[in-house]
Amino acid sequence: MQKQIIKTDQAPAAIGTYSQAVKVGGTVYLSGQIGLDPASMQMVEGIENQIHRVFQNLQAVATAAGGSLADVVKLNVFLTDLGHFAKVNEIMAQYFNEPFPARAAVGVASLPRAALVEADAVMVIG
């Protein structure tokens, strides 16, 4: 199988040596997204805005790959403060419907650009 690189200007451009997503067959591996606004490439302010922006960025990449967040089968969420876990659940419910994807939530010491939250995903389409 051949891999296809997914790229969209509706999500932040990669700020390192990675692709926004890679599609192999019907599986799409979405790189981690932080709360960067794709137009300005600046971090949005506050945990709630960052969580929304993370899911909006993942949605944009999922759409560019020919899918949607409904096709996500695995989601990893990284938080610099696990006290924000309930807020992630609350906001995630606005972007995902049942059946929800499998998920991990991990507390980390720091994230790129001093982000408060990051998420990556695996999506299956087709």
Protein backbone atom coordinates (compact mmCIF):
# COMPACT_ATOMS: atom_id res chain seq x y z
CA MET A 1 0.00 0.00 0.00
CA GLN A 2 1.10 3.49 -0.76
CA LYS A 3 1.00 6.30 1.76
CA GLN A 4 -0.66 9.60 0.92
CA ILE A 5 0.32 12.83 2.67
CA ILE A 6 -2.65 14.93 3.78
CA LYS A 7 -2.25 18.71 3.89
CA THR A 8 -4.74 21.54 4.33
CA ASP A 9 -4.48 25.26 4.98
CA GLN A 10 -7.59 24.95 7.16
CA ALA A 11 -5.36 23.63 9.96
CA PRO A 12 -2.01 24.97 11.16
CA ALA A 13 0.95 24.19 8.93
CA ALA A 14 3.36 21.66 10.38
CA ILE A 15 5.89 23.38 12.64
CA GLY A 16 8.40 20.56 12.43
CA THR A 17 9.45 17.50 10.50
CA TYR A 18 6.02 15.88 10.19
CA SER A 19 2.90 15.85 8.02
CA GLN A 20 -0.55 16.97 9.18
CA ALA A 21 -1.72 13.42 8.43
CA VAL A 22 -0.70 10.31 6.56
CA LYS A 23 -3.23 8.02 4.88
CA VAL A 24 -2.45 4.35 4.24
CA GLY A 25 -5.34 2.42 2.73
CA GLY A 26 -8.43 3.39 4.72
CA THR A 27 -6.47 4.38 7.83
CA VAL A 28 -5.47 7.99 8.47
CA TYR A 29 -2.97 8.94 11.15
CA LEU A 30 -3.59 12.54 12.23
CA SER A 31 -0.64 14.33 13.82
CA GLY A 32 -1.00 16.11 17.12
CA GLN A 33 -2.82 19.43 17.00
CA ILE A 34 -2.43 22.23 19.50
CA GLY A 35 -4.49 25.40 19.85
CA LEU A 36 -2.88 27.27 16.96
CA ASP A 37 -5.12 29.41 14.79
CA PRO A 38 -4.37 28.28 11.22
CA ALA A 39 -4.61 31.81 9.77
CA SER A 40 -2.34 33.58 12.23
CA MET A 41 -0.31 30.59 13.49
CA GLN A 42 -0.73 32.11 16.96
CA MET A 43 -1.92 30.21 20.02
CA VAL A 44 -5.48 30.99 21.08
CA GLU A 45 -5.91 32.13 24.69
CA GLY A 46 -7.25 29.99 27.51
CA ILE A 47 -7.90 26.30 27.99
CA GLU A 48 -11.46 26.30 26.62
CA ASN A 49 -10.47 28.10 23.43
CA GLN A 50 -7.46 25.82 23.01
CA ILE A 51 -9.57 22.67 23.39
CA HIS A 52 -12.07 23.95 20.79
CA ARG A 53 -9.23 24.90 18.44
CA VAL A 54 -7.59 21.48 18.81
CA PHE A 55 -10.81 19.72 17.78
CA GLN A 56 -11.43 22.23 14.97
CA ASN A 57 -7.91 21.63 13.65
CA LEU A 58 -8.36 17.84 13.82
CA GLN A 59 -11.70 18.20 12.01
CA ALA A 60 -10.06 20.23 9.23
CA VAL A 61 -7.38 17.58 8.70
CA ALA A 62 -9.97 14.78 8.86
CA THR A 63 -12.04 16.56 6.21
CA ALA A 64 -8.98 17.04 3.99
CA ALA A 65 -8.39 13.28 4.25
CA GLY A 66 -11.96 12.54 3.13
CA GLY A 67 -13.45 11.80 6.54
CA SER A 68 -14.74 13.47 9.66
CA LEU A 69 -14.37 13.22 13.42
CA ALA A 70 -17.10 10.57 13.29
CA ASP A 71 -14.51 8.31 11.61
CA VAL A 72 -11.98 8.64 14.46
CA VAL A 73 -11.38 5.30 16.17
CA LYS A 74 -8.60 6.37 18.58
CA LEU A 75 -7.92 9.72 20.18
CA ASN A 76 -4.99 10.67 22.40
CA VAL A 77 -5.26 13.81 24.51
CA PHE A 78 -2.27 15.36 26.26
CA LEU A 79 -2.82 17.90 29.04
CA THR A 80 -0.33 19.97 31.01
CA ASP A 81 -2.91 20.02 33.84
CA LEU A 82 -5.13 16.99 34.36
CA GLY A 83 -7.47 19.32 36.24
CA HIS A 84 -8.75 20.25 32.76
CA PHE A 85 -9.87 16.67 32.08
CA ALA A 86 -13.55 17.41 32.79
CA LYS A 87 -13.45 20.43 30.46
CA VAL A 88 -12.01 18.23 27.69
CA ASN A 89 -14.90 15.79 28.17
CA GLU A 90 -17.45 18.60 28.10
CA ILE A 91 -16.09 20.19 24.93
CA MET A 92 -15.32 16.86 23.23
CA ALA A 93 -19.04 16.03 23.44
CA GLN A 94 -19.66 18.98 21.09
CA TYR A 95 -17.45 17.43 18.38
CA PHE A 96 -17.99 13.67 18.82
CA ASN A 97 -21.15 11.58 19.04
CA GLU A 98 -21.68 8.07 20.37
CA PRO A 99 -20.18 5.65 19.83
CA PHE A 100 -17.16 7.61 21.01
CA PRO A 101 -13.65 6.67 19.89
CA ALA A 102 -11.23 4.85 22.14
CA ARG A 103 -9.21 7.46 24.02
CA ALA A 104 -6.26 8.07 26.28
CA ALA A 105 -5.72 11.22 28.34
CA VAL A 106 -2.18 11.78 29.53
CA GLY A 107 -0.70 14.42 31.81
CA VAL A 108 2.52 15.89 30.43
CA ALA A 109 5.05 18.39 31.72
CA SER A 110 4.93 20.67 28.68
CA LEU A 111 3.79 20.93 25.07
CA PRO A 112 5.05 22.87 22.02
CA ARG A 113 4.41 26.61 22.04
CA ALA A 114 3.40 26.40 25.73
CA ALA A 115 0.11 24.79 24.66
CA LEU A 116 -2.18 23.56 27.43
CA VAL A 117 -3.63 20.69 25.38
CA GLU A 118 -2.73 18.59 22.34
CA ALA A 119 -4.56 15.74 20.63
CA ASP A 120 -3.79 13.30 17.86
CA ALA A 121 -6.02 10.67 16.29
CA VAL A 122 -6.36 7.59 14.13
CA MET A 123 -9.25 7.57 11.67
CA VAL A 124 -10.62 4.77 9.51
CA ILE A 125 -12.54 5.70 6.36
CA GLY A 126 -13.92 3.90 3.35
